[in-house]
Amino acid sequence: MIINRITESMANTMLRQMGAVEIKNAPAYVNKVKFKLDGDTNATYIYEIKENEVIYLNRVRPYAIYLGEYKDEQELVSAIKEDLEMLKEAHVSPHFRQYVNIVQKMQGLGGQVENLFMNVATPEGSMDHLEKILDVLAEEIDRLQEYGHEMDLKTFAKKVQEGEKMEDAYKEAQLAAEEKEK
């Protein structure tokens, strides 16, 4: 612990020398929670609890996403439970690995764009071109959400776990989603 406090103090001193206008030091408990989705895939969460403040929650595996702020342990546990249940249901999809790869690539693009912005003098129109490509991608995602097949993931997960063929489980999940809409 003493090494961490010394490291923190040294870092804060250097940051002040760099011109930091505020450094707020609040002791916190950082917790890492891991759940197995299968032999190769984990759902891992990091939450940070500060005295008299909100609880910050992030999922870091299978891909990183900020899940929000919660006022107490019940809200935190409920949020993790809900997210984990959705991941478990989505995990049985034949497209799960591909989806995770797409999300990870998109997150990696954020770092690449920042590197481009910070380190490269981009030619006239290049940023406009990139923005148009992203607009097309966003439109395609919207189109898939609007016209893709709705399905009840709980039904899908249950049928797959019962040993049904993927195609049959998918069809039953679509029918279950249609029934819910009625």
N, C-alpha and C. Protein backbone atom coordinates (compact mmCIF):
# COMPACT_ATOMS: atom_id res chain seq x y z
N MET A 1 0.82 -1.20 0.00
CA MET A 1 0.00 0.00 0.00
C MET A 1 0.86 1.25 0.00
N ILE A 2 1.93 1.25 0.78
CA ILE A 2 2.77 2.45 0.85
C ILE A 2 3.38 2.76 -0.53
N ILE A 3 3.75 1.74 -1.28
CA ILE A 3 4.30 1.97 -2.61
C ILE A 3 3.25 2.62 -3.50
N ASN A 4 1.99 2.17 -3.41
CA ASN A 4 0.93 2.75 -4.22
C ASN A 4 0.70 4.22 -3.88
N ARG A 5 0.75 4.57 -2.58
CA ARG A 5 0.55 5.97 -2.16
C ARG A 5 1.71 6.83 -2.65
N ILE A 6 2.94 6.30 -2.59
CA ILE A 6 4.10 7.05 -3.08
C ILE A 6 3.98 7.25 -4.59
N THR A 7 3.63 6.19 -5.31
CA THR A 7 3.46 6.27 -6.76
C THR A 7 2.38 7.30 -7.10
N GLU A 8 1.26 7.26 -6.37
CA GLU A 8 0.17 8.20 -6.61
C GLU A 8 0.65 9.63 -6.37
N SER A 9 1.37 9.85 -5.28
CA SER A 9 1.86 11.19 -4.96
C SER A 9 2.83 11.69 -6.03
N MET A 10 3.71 10.82 -6.47
CA MET A 10 4.67 11.22 -7.52
C MET A 10 3.94 11.54 -8.82
N ALA A 11 2.97 10.72 -9.18
CA ALA A 11 2.20 10.95 -10.40
C ALA A 11 1.45 12.28 -10.30
N ASN A 12 0.82 12.53 -9.16
CA ASN A 12 0.08 13.78 -8.98
C ASN A 12 0.99 15.00 -9.05
N THR A 13 2.19 14.89 -8.48
CA THR A 13 3.16 15.99 -8.55
C THR A 13 3.53 16.27 -10.01
N MET A 14 3.81 15.22 -10.76
CA MET A 14 4.17 15.41 -12.17
C MET A 14 3.00 15.99 -12.96
N LEU A 15 1.78 15.55 -12.64
CA LEU A 15 0.61 16.07 -13.35
C LEU A 15 0.38 17.55 -13.02
N ARG A 16 0.63 17.94 -11.78
CA ARG A 16 0.52 19.36 -11.41
C ARG A 16 1.57 20.19 -12.17
N GLN A 17 2.78 19.64 -12.29
CA GLN A 17 3.83 20.32 -13.04
C GLN A 17 3.46 20.48 -14.51
N MET A 18 2.64 19.55 -15.01
CA MET A 18 2.19 19.61 -16.40
C MET A 18 1.06 20.62 -16.58
N GLY A 19 0.48 21.10 -15.45
CA GLY A 19 -0.57 22.09 -15.55
C GLY A 19 -1.96 21.61 -15.16
N ALA A 20 -2.06 20.45 -14.52
CA ALA A 20 -3.37 19.98 -14.09
C ALA A 20 -4.02 21.03 -13.21
N VAL A 21 -5.28 21.36 -13.49
CA VAL A 21 -5.97 22.39 -12.72
C VAL A 21 -6.70 21.81 -11.51
N GLU A 22 -6.93 20.50 -11.52
CA GLU A 22 -7.56 19.87 -10.36
C GLU A 22 -7.18 18.39 -10.33
N ILE A 23 -6.85 17.92 -9.16
CA ILE A 23 -6.63 16.49 -8.93
C ILE A 23 -7.42 16.15 -7.68
N LYS A 24 -8.43 15.33 -7.85
CA LYS A 24 -9.27 14.94 -6.72
C LYS A 24 -8.85 13.53 -6.31
N ASN A 25 -8.47 13.37 -5.08
CA ASN A 25 -8.04 12.09 -4.57
C ASN A 25 -9.15 11.53 -3.69
N ALA A 26 -9.76 10.45 -4.14
CA ALA A 26 -10.83 9.83 -3.36
C ALA A 26 -10.52 8.34 -3.22
N PRO A 27 -10.32 7.89 -2.00
CA PRO A 27 -10.09 6.46 -1.82
C PRO A 27 -11.27 5.66 -2.39
N ALA A 28 -10.95 4.55 -3.02
CA ALA A 28 -12.01 3.75 -3.64
C ALA A 28 -11.66 2.27 -3.54
N TYR A 29 -12.69 1.47 -3.65
CA TYR A 29 -12.52 0.03 -3.74
C TYR A 29 -12.81 -0.35 -5.18
N VAL A 30 -11.83 -0.96 -5.84
CA VAL A 30 -12.01 -1.41 -7.20
C VAL A 30 -12.15 -2.92 -7.16
N ASN A 31 -13.22 -3.42 -7.75
CA ASN A 31 -13.52 -4.84 -7.69
C ASN A 31 -13.64 -5.41 -9.09
N LYS A 32 -13.12 -6.61 -9.26
CA LYS A 32 -13.20 -7.31 -10.54
C LYS A 32 -14.00 -8.59 -10.30
N VAL A 33 -15.02 -8.80 -11.15
CA VAL A 33 -15.89 -9.96 -11.01
C VAL A 33 -15.92 -10.68 -12.35
N LYS A 34 -15.69 -12.00 -12.33
CA LYS A 34 -15.63 -12.77 -13.56
C LYS A 34 -16.66 -13.90 -13.53
N PHE A 35 -17.37 -14.06 -14.64
CA PHE A 35 -18.32 -15.15 -14.83
C PHE A 35 -17.92 -15.90 -16.09
N LYS A 36 -18.11 -17.21 -16.09
CA LYS A 36 -17.82 -18.03 -17.27
C LYS A 36 -19.07 -18.12 -18.14
N LEU A 37 -18.91 -17.80 -19.43
CA LEU A 37 -19.98 -18.03 -20.39
C LEU A 37 -19.80 -19.40 -21.02
N ASP A 38 -18.53 -19.77 -21.24
CA ASP A 38 -18.16 -21.11 -21.69
C ASP A 38 -16.68 -21.30 -21.37
N GLY A 39 -16.09 -22.36 -21.86
CA GLY A 39 -14.69 -22.65 -21.54
C GLY A 39 -13.72 -21.57 -22.00
N ASP A 40 -14.09 -20.83 -23.05
CA ASP A 40 -13.19 -19.83 -23.62
C ASP A 40 -13.61 -18.38 -23.37
N THR A 41 -14.85 -18.18 -22.96
CA THR A 41 -15.39 -16.82 -22.90
C THR A 41 -15.83 -16.46 -21.49
N ASN A 42 -15.35 -15.31 -21.03
CA ASN A 42 -15.74 -14.79 -19.72
C ASN A 42 -16.53 -13.50 -19.89
N ALA A 43 -17.37 -13.23 -18.93
CA ALA A 43 -17.97 -11.91 -18.77
C ALA A 43 -17.29 -11.34 -17.52
N THR A 44 -16.55 -10.27 -17.70
CA THR A 44 -15.79 -9.69 -16.60
C THR A 44 -16.23 -8.25 -16.38
N TYR A 45 -16.48 -7.93 -15.12
CA TYR A 45 -16.94 -6.60 -14.74
C TYR A 45 -15.94 -5.97 -13.78
N ILE A 46 -15.79 -4.66 -13.88
CA ILE A 46 -15.00 -3.89 -12.92
C ILE A 46 -15.95 -2.84 -12.35
N TYR A 47 -16.05 -2.80 -11.03
CA TYR A 47 -16.82 -1.72 -10.43
C TYR A 47 -16.00 -1.04 -9.36
N GLU A 48 -16.25 0.26 -9.24
CA GLU A 48 -15.48 1.11 -8.34
C GLU A 48 -16.44 1.76 -7.35
N ILE A 49 -16.17 1.54 -6.08
CA ILE A 49 -17.01 2.09 -5.03
C ILE A 49 -16.20 3.15 -4.27
N LYS A 50 -16.77 4.36 -4.23
CA LYS A 50 -16.15 5.44 -3.46
C LYS A 50 -17.09 5.79 -2.31
N GLU A 51 -16.50 6.17 -1.20
CA GLU A 51 -17.31 6.53 -0.03
C GLU A 51 -18.24 7.69 -0.36
N ASN A 52 -19.51 7.52 -0.06
CA ASN A 52 -20.54 8.54 -0.25
C ASN A 52 -20.69 9.01 -1.70
N GLU A 53 -20.35 8.15 -2.65
CA GLU A 53 -20.51 8.50 -4.05
C GLU A 53 -21.15 7.34 -4.79
N VAL A 54 -21.35 7.55 -6.07
CA VAL A 54 -21.96 6.51 -6.90
C VAL A 54 -20.98 5.37 -7.15
N ILE A 55 -21.52 4.27 -7.63
CA ILE A 55 -20.72 3.10 -8.00
C ILE A 55 -20.62 3.10 -9.52
N TYR A 56 -19.41 3.08 -10.05
CA TYR A 56 -19.18 3.06 -11.49
C TYR A 56 -18.99 1.62 -11.94
N LEU A 57 -19.70 1.23 -13.02
CA LEU A 57 -19.65 -0.14 -13.50
C LEU A 57 -19.24 -0.18 -14.97
N ASN A 58 -18.26 -1.03 -15.25
CA ASN A 58 -17.83 -1.31 -16.62
C ASN A 58 -17.78 -2.81 -16.84
N ARG A 59 -18.16 -3.23 -18.03
CA ARG A 59 -17.89 -4.61 -18.43
C ARG A 59 -16.63 -4.54 -19.28
N VAL A 60 -15.64 -5.38 -18.98
CA VAL A 60 -14.38 -5.36 -19.72
C VAL A 60 -14.19 -6.56 -20.63
N ARG A 61 -14.97 -7.62 -20.42
CA ARG A 61 -14.93 -8.82 -21.28
C ARG A 61 -16.35 -9.30 -21.49
N PRO A 62 -16.72 -9.77 -22.63
CA PRO A 62 -15.91 -10.06 -23.81
C PRO A 62 -15.49 -8.83 -24.60
N TYR A 63 -16.07 -7.68 -24.32
CA TYR A 63 -15.60 -6.42 -24.88
C TYR A 63 -15.93 -5.32 -23.88
N ALA A 64 -15.22 -4.22 -23.98
CA ALA A 64 -15.36 -3.15 -22.99
C ALA A 64 -16.55 -2.25 -23.30
N ILE A 65 -17.33 -1.97 -22.25
CA ILE A 65 -18.44 -1.03 -22.37
C ILE A 65 -18.76 -0.47 -20.99
N TYR A 66 -18.99 0.83 -20.95
CA TYR A 66 -19.40 1.48 -19.70
C TYR A 66 -20.87 1.19 -19.49
N LEU A 67 -21.23 0.64 -18.34
CA LEU A 67 -22.62 0.25 -18.09
C LEU A 67 -23.39 1.25 -17.23
N GLY A 68 -22.69 2.16 -16.56
CA GLY A 68 -23.41 3.20 -15.84
C GLY A 68 -22.96 3.42 -14.42
N GLU A 69 -23.76 4.27 -13.74
CA GLU A 69 -23.52 4.63 -12.35
C GLU A 69 -24.71 4.16 -11.53
N TYR A 70 -24.43 3.64 -10.34
CA TYR A 70 -25.48 3.09 -9.49
C TYR A 70 -25.34 3.63 -8.09
N LYS A 71 -26.48 3.78 -7.41
CA LYS A 71 -26.45 4.43 -6.10
C LYS A 71 -26.15 3.48 -4.95
N ASP A 72 -26.42 2.17 -5.14
CA ASP A 72 -26.17 1.23 -4.05
C ASP A 72 -25.90 -0.17 -4.60
N GLU A 73 -25.59 -1.08 -3.67
CA GLU A 73 -25.21 -2.44 -4.08
C GLU A 73 -26.34 -3.20 -4.74
N GLN A 74 -27.59 -2.92 -4.35
CA GLN A 74 -28.72 -3.62 -4.99
C GLN A 74 -28.85 -3.23 -6.46
N GLU A 75 -28.72 -1.93 -6.74
CA GLU A 75 -28.77 -1.49 -8.14
C GLU A 75 -27.61 -2.08 -8.93
N LEU A 76 -26.43 -2.10 -8.32
CA LEU A 76 -25.24 -2.66 -8.97
C LEU A 76 -25.45 -4.12 -9.32
N VAL A 77 -25.86 -4.92 -8.34
CA VAL A 77 -26.04 -6.35 -8.56
C VAL A 77 -27.14 -6.59 -9.60
N SER A 78 -28.21 -5.82 -9.55
CA SER A 78 -29.28 -5.95 -10.54
C SER A 78 -28.77 -5.65 -11.94
N ALA A 79 -27.96 -4.62 -12.07
CA ALA A 79 -27.42 -4.25 -13.38
C ALA A 79 -26.50 -5.35 -13.92
N ILE A 80 -25.64 -5.90 -13.07
CA ILE A 80 -24.76 -6.98 -13.50
C ILE A 80 -25.59 -8.20 -13.87
N LYS A 81 -26.58 -8.54 -13.05
CA LYS A 81 -27.42 -9.69 -13.33
C LYS A 81 -28.13 -9.55 -14.67
N GLU A 82 -28.71 -8.39 -14.92
CA GLU A 82 -29.42 -8.16 -16.18
C GLU A 82 -28.47 -8.24 -17.38
N ASP A 83 -27.32 -7.61 -17.26
CA ASP A 83 -26.35 -7.64 -18.35
C ASP A 83 -25.83 -9.05 -18.60
N LEU A 84 -25.55 -9.77 -17.53
CA LEU A 84 -25.04 -11.14 -17.63
C LEU A 84 -26.08 -12.05 -18.29
N GLU A 85 -27.34 -11.90 -17.89
CA GLU A 85 -28.40 -12.71 -18.51
C GLU A 85 -28.50 -12.45 -20.00
N MET A 86 -28.41 -11.17 -20.39
CA MET A 86 -28.46 -10.85 -21.83
C MET A 86 -27.27 -11.45 -22.56
N LEU A 87 -26.08 -11.37 -21.95
CA LEU A 87 -24.89 -11.96 -22.57
C LEU A 87 -25.02 -13.47 -22.72
N LYS A 88 -25.53 -14.12 -21.69
CA LYS A 88 -25.70 -15.58 -21.75
C LYS A 88 -26.67 -15.97 -22.86
N GLU A 89 -27.74 -15.19 -23.00
CA GLU A 89 -28.70 -15.47 -24.07
C GLU A 89 -28.09 -15.22 -25.44
N ALA A 90 -27.39 -14.10 -25.59
CA ALA A 90 -26.77 -13.77 -26.87
C ALA A 90 -25.62 -14.72 -27.20
N HIS A 91 -24.99 -15.24 -26.16
CA HIS A 91 -23.82 -16.10 -26.33
C HIS A 91 -24.11 -17.36 -27.14
N VAL A 92 -25.34 -17.86 -27.09
CA VAL A 92 -25.66 -19.08 -27.82
C VAL A 92 -25.92 -18.83 -29.30
N SER A 93 -26.00 -17.57 -29.69
CA SER A 93 -26.21 -17.24 -31.10
C SER A 93 -25.01 -17.71 -31.92
N PRO A 94 -25.25 -18.21 -33.12
CA PRO A 94 -24.13 -18.60 -33.98
C PRO A 94 -23.29 -17.39 -34.41
N HIS A 95 -23.81 -16.20 -34.20
CA HIS A 95 -23.10 -14.99 -34.62
C HIS A 95 -22.37 -14.29 -33.46
N PHE A 96 -22.37 -14.89 -32.26
CA PHE A 96 -21.81 -14.22 -31.09
C PHE A 96 -20.34 -13.84 -31.28
N ARG A 97 -19.52 -14.78 -31.70
CA ARG A 97 -18.08 -14.49 -31.88
C ARG A 97 -17.86 -13.39 -32.91
N GLN A 98 -18.63 -13.46 -33.99
CA GLN A 98 -18.50 -12.45 -35.03
C GLN A 98 -18.92 -11.07 -34.49
N TYR A 99 -20.00 -11.04 -33.72
CA TYR A 99 -20.46 -9.80 -33.12
C TYR A 99 -19.37 -9.21 -32.21
N VAL A 100 -18.79 -10.04 -31.36
CA VAL A 100 -17.73 -9.57 -30.46
C VAL A 100 -16.55 -9.04 -31.27
N ASN A 101 -16.18 -9.74 -32.34
CA ASN A 101 -15.09 -9.28 -33.20
C ASN A 101 -15.40 -7.92 -33.82
N ILE A 102 -16.65 -7.73 -34.27
CA ILE A 102 -17.05 -6.45 -34.87
C ILE A 102 -16.94 -5.34 -33.84
N VAL A 103 -17.47 -5.58 -32.63
CA VAL A 103 -17.42 -4.56 -31.57
C VAL A 103 -15.96 -4.23 -31.24
N GLN A 104 -15.11 -5.24 -31.12
CA GLN A 104 -13.70 -4.99 -30.79
C GLN A 104 -13.01 -4.21 -31.90
N LYS A 105 -13.32 -4.52 -33.15
CA LYS A 105 -12.74 -3.77 -34.27
C LYS A 105 -13.20 -2.31 -34.22
N MET A 106 -14.49 -2.11 -33.94
CA MET A 106 -15.00 -0.74 -33.88
C MET A 106 -14.36 0.04 -32.73
N GLN A 107 -14.14 -0.62 -31.60
CA GLN A 107 -13.48 0.05 -30.49
C GLN A 107 -12.03 0.37 -30.85
N GLY A 108 -11.39 -0.54 -31.56
CA GLY A 108 -10.01 -0.30 -32.00
C GLY A 108 -9.93 0.87 -32.97
N LEU A 109 -10.98 1.06 -33.76
CA LEU A 109 -11.00 2.18 -34.70
C LEU A 109 -10.92 3.51 -33.97
N GLY A 110 -11.52 3.59 -32.78
CA GLY A 110 -11.47 4.82 -32.00
C GLY A 110 -10.02 5.23 -31.73
N GLY A 111 -9.21 4.27 -31.33
CA GLY A 111 -7.79 4.55 -31.08
C GLY A 111 -7.05 4.90 -32.36
N GLN A 112 -7.40 4.22 -33.46
CA GLN A 112 -6.74 4.52 -34.73
C GLN A 112 -7.09 5.93 -35.21
N VAL A 113 -8.35 6.33 -35.07
CA VAL A 113 -8.76 7.66 -35.49
C VAL A 113 -8.04 8.71 -34.63
N GLU A 114 -7.96 8.45 -33.33
CA GLU A 114 -7.25 9.40 -32.47
C GLU A 114 -5.79 9.51 -32.87
N ASN A 115 -5.15 8.38 -33.12
CA ASN A 115 -3.76 8.40 -33.56
C ASN A 115 -3.61 9.18 -34.86
N LEU A 116 -4.54 8.98 -35.79
CA LEU A 116 -4.53 9.70 -37.05
C LEU A 116 -4.65 11.20 -36.79
N PHE A 117 -5.61 11.58 -35.97
CA PHE A 117 -5.86 12.99 -35.67
C PHE A 117 -4.66 13.64 -34.99
N MET A 118 -4.05 12.93 -34.05
CA MET A 118 -2.97 13.51 -33.25
C MET A 118 -1.61 13.49 -33.96
N ASN A 119 -1.42 12.55 -34.89
CA ASN A 119 -0.07 12.35 -35.42
C ASN A 119 0.09 12.50 -36.93
N VAL A 120 -1.00 12.68 -37.67
CA VAL A 120 -0.88 12.70 -39.12
C VAL A 120 -1.57 13.94 -39.67
N ALA A 121 -0.91 14.61 -40.59
CA ALA A 121 -1.55 15.72 -41.30
C ALA A 121 -2.37 15.10 -42.43
N THR A 122 -3.67 15.03 -42.23
CA THR A 122 -4.52 14.33 -43.20
C THR A 122 -4.82 15.23 -44.40
N PRO A 123 -4.86 14.63 -45.57
CA PRO A 123 -5.15 15.41 -46.79
C PRO A 123 -6.57 15.99 -46.76
N GLU A 124 -6.76 17.07 -47.48
CA GLU A 124 -8.07 17.73 -47.61
C GLU A 124 -9.14 16.71 -47.99
N GLY A 125 -10.23 16.70 -47.27
CA GLY A 125 -11.35 15.83 -47.60
C GLY A 125 -11.30 14.44 -46.98
N SER A 126 -10.17 14.06 -46.43
CA SER A 126 -10.04 12.71 -45.86
C SER A 126 -10.99 12.49 -44.68
N MET A 127 -11.09 13.48 -43.81
CA MET A 127 -11.96 13.34 -42.65
C MET A 127 -13.43 13.29 -43.10
N ASP A 128 -13.78 14.09 -44.12
CA ASP A 128 -15.14 14.04 -44.66
C ASP A 128 -15.44 12.64 -45.20
N HIS A 129 -14.46 12.05 -45.88
CA HIS A 129 -14.63 10.70 -46.45
C HIS A 129 -14.86 9.68 -45.33
N LEU A 130 -14.04 9.75 -44.28
CA LEU A 130 -14.21 8.83 -43.15
C LEU A 130 -15.58 9.01 -42.50
N GLU A 131 -15.99 10.25 -42.35
CA GLU A 131 -17.29 10.52 -41.72
C GLU A 131 -18.43 9.95 -42.56
N LYS A 132 -18.33 10.03 -43.88
CA LYS A 132 -19.37 9.47 -44.76
C LYS A 132 -19.42 7.94 -44.63
N ILE A 133 -18.24 7.32 -44.53
CA ILE A 133 -18.20 5.86 -44.36
C ILE A 133 -18.88 5.47 -43.05
N LEU A 134 -18.61 6.22 -41.98
CA LEU A 134 -19.25 5.94 -40.69
C LEU A 134 -20.76 6.16 -40.74
N ASP A 135 -21.19 7.17 -41.49
CA ASP A 135 -22.63 7.41 -41.66
C ASP A 135 -23.29 6.22 -42.34
N VAL A 136 -22.63 5.66 -43.36
CA VAL A 136 -23.16 4.50 -44.06
C VAL A 136 -23.26 3.31 -43.10
N LEU A 137 -22.22 3.11 -42.29
CA LEU A 137 -22.24 2.02 -41.31
C LEU A 137 -23.38 2.21 -40.31
N ALA A 138 -23.55 3.43 -39.81
CA ALA A 138 -24.63 3.70 -38.85
C ALA A 138 -26.00 3.45 -39.49
N GLU A 139 -26.16 3.84 -40.74
CA GLU A 139 -27.42 3.59 -41.45
C GLU A 139 -27.67 2.09 -41.61
N GLU A 140 -26.62 1.33 -41.89
CA GLU A 140 -26.78 -0.12 -42.05
C GLU A 140 -27.17 -0.76 -40.72
N ILE A 141 -26.58 -0.31 -39.63
CA ILE A 141 -26.95 -0.84 -38.31
C ILE A 141 -28.41 -0.50 -38.01
N ASP A 142 -28.83 0.74 -38.31
CA ASP A 142 -30.23 1.13 -38.12
C ASP A 142 -31.16 0.25 -38.96
N ARG A 143 -30.76 -0.02 -40.20
CA ARG A 143 -31.57 -0.84 -41.10
C ARG A 143 -31.71 -2.25 -40.54
N LEU A 144 -30.63 -2.81 -40.06
CA LEU A 144 -30.68 -4.16 -39.49
C LEU A 144 -31.58 -4.20 -38.25
N GLN A 145 -31.51 -3.15 -37.43
CA GLN A 145 -32.37 -3.11 -36.24
C GLN A 145 -33.83 -3.00 -36.63
N GLU A 146 -34.11 -2.27 -37.71
CA GLU A 146 -35.50 -2.07 -38.11
C GLU A 146 -36.06 -3.28 -38.86
N TYR A 147 -35.24 -3.87 -39.75
CA TYR A 147 -35.75 -4.92 -40.63
C TYR A 147 -35.21 -6.31 -40.33
N GLY A 148 -34.27 -6.40 -39.41
CA GLY A 148 -33.77 -7.72 -39.03
C GLY A 148 -34.86 -8.49 -38.33
N HIS A 149 -34.67 -9.76 -38.20
CA HIS A 149 -35.68 -10.59 -37.56
C HIS A 149 -35.59 -10.46 -36.05
N GLU A 150 -36.69 -10.03 -35.45
CA GLU A 150 -36.77 -10.01 -34.00
C GLU A 150 -36.85 -11.45 -33.51
N MET A 151 -36.20 -11.73 -32.42
CA MET A 151 -36.34 -13.06 -31.83
C MET A 151 -36.23 -12.96 -30.32
N ASP A 152 -36.85 -13.88 -29.66
CA ASP A 152 -36.82 -13.95 -28.22
C ASP A 152 -35.57 -14.74 -27.82
N LEU A 153 -34.59 -14.03 -27.30
CA LEU A 153 -33.31 -14.68 -27.00
C LEU A 153 -33.42 -15.73 -25.90
N LYS A 154 -34.34 -15.54 -24.95
CA LYS A 154 -34.50 -16.55 -23.89
C LYS A 154 -34.98 -17.86 -24.50
N THR A 155 -35.94 -17.76 -25.42
CA THR A 155 -36.43 -18.97 -26.09
C THR A 155 -35.30 -19.61 -26.90
N PHE A 156 -34.56 -18.78 -27.62
CA PHE A 156 -33.45 -19.28 -28.43
C PHE A 156 -32.43 -20.01 -27.56
N ALA A 157 -32.02 -19.37 -26.46
CA ALA A 157 -31.03 -19.97 -25.57
C ALA A 157 -31.54 -21.29 -24.99
N LYS A 158 -32.79 -21.30 -24.58
CA LYS A 158 -33.38 -22.52 -24.00
C LYS A 158 -33.39 -23.66 -25.01
N LYS A 159 -33.81 -23.37 -26.22
CA LYS A 159 -33.89 -24.41 -27.26
C LYS A 159 -32.51 -24.95 -27.63
N VAL A 160 -31.53 -24.08 -27.70
CA VAL A 160 -30.16 -24.52 -28.01
C VAL A 160 -29.63 -25.39 -26.88
N GLN A 161 -29.88 -24.98 -25.63
CA GLN A 161 -29.42 -25.76 -24.49
C GLN A 161 -30.11 -27.12 -24.42
N GLU A 162 -31.34 -27.18 -24.95
CA GLU A 162 -32.07 -28.45 -24.99
C GLU A 162 -31.58 -29.34 -26.13
N GLY A 163 -30.66 -28.83 -26.95
CA GLY A 163 -30.09 -29.65 -28.02
C GLY A 163 -30.75 -29.50 -29.38
N GLU A 164 -31.64 -28.53 -29.53
CA GLU A 164 -32.27 -28.33 -30.84
C GLU A 164 -31.27 -27.78 -31.83
N LYS A 165 -31.52 -28.05 -33.11
CA LYS A 165 -30.68 -27.49 -34.17
C LYS A 165 -30.83 -25.97 -34.14
N MET A 166 -29.75 -25.27 -34.53
CA MET A 166 -29.75 -23.81 -34.52
C MET A 166 -30.90 -23.24 -35.34
N GLU A 167 -31.11 -23.79 -36.55
CA GLU A 167 -32.16 -23.25 -37.42
C GLU A 167 -33.54 -23.37 -36.75
N ASP A 168 -33.80 -24.52 -36.12
CA ASP A 168 -35.08 -24.73 -35.47
C ASP A 168 -35.24 -23.82 -34.26
N ALA A 169 -34.18 -23.68 -33.49
CA ALA A 169 -34.22 -22.80 -32.31
C ALA A 169 -34.45 -21.36 -32.75
N TYR A 170 -33.81 -20.97 -33.84
CA TYR A 170 -33.95 -19.61 -34.37
C TYR A 170 -35.40 -19.36 -34.80
N LYS A 171 -36.01 -20.30 -35.50
CA LYS A 171 -37.40 -20.16 -35.96
C LYS A 171 -38.35 -20.07 -34.77
N GLU A 172 -38.14 -20.91 -33.76
CA GLU A 172 -39.00 -20.87 -32.58
C GLU A 172 -38.84 -19.56 -31.82
N ALA A 173 -37.64 -19.04 -31.79
CA ALA A 173 -37.39 -17.76 -31.11
C ALA A 173 -38.07 -16.61 -31.87
N GLN A 174 -38.09 -16.69 -33.19
CA GLN A 174 -38.79 -15.67 -33.97
C GLN A 174 -40.30 -15.73 -33.70
N LEU A 175 -40.84 -16.94 -33.66
CA LEU A 175 -42.26 -17.11 -33.38
C LEU A 175 -42.61 -16.59 -31.98
N ALA A 176 -41.74 -16.86 -31.01
CA ALA A 176 -41.97 -16.39 -29.65
C ALA A 176 -41.96 -14.86 -29.60
N ALA A 177 -41.08 -14.23 -30.38
CA ALA A 177 -41.03 -12.76 -30.43
C ALA A 177 -42.32 -12.21 -31.04
N GLU A 178 -42.81 -12.87 -32.09
CA GLU A 178 -44.06 -12.44 -32.73
C GLU A 178 -45.23 -12.56 -31.75
N GLU A 179 -45.25 -13.64 -30.97
CA GLU A 179 -46.32 -13.83 -29.99
C GLU A 179 -46.30 -12.74 -28.92
N LYS A 180 -45.10 -12.33 -28.53
CA LYS A 180 -44.97 -11.28 -27.50
C LYS A 180 -45.54 -9.96 -28.02
N GLU A 181 -45.38 -9.70 -29.32
CA GLU A 181 -45.86 -8.45 -29.89
C GLU A 181 -47.38 -8.37 -29.92
N LYS A 182 -48.04 -9.52 -29.96
CA LYS A 182 -49.51 -9.54 -30.05
C LYS A 182 -50.18 -9.14 -28.78
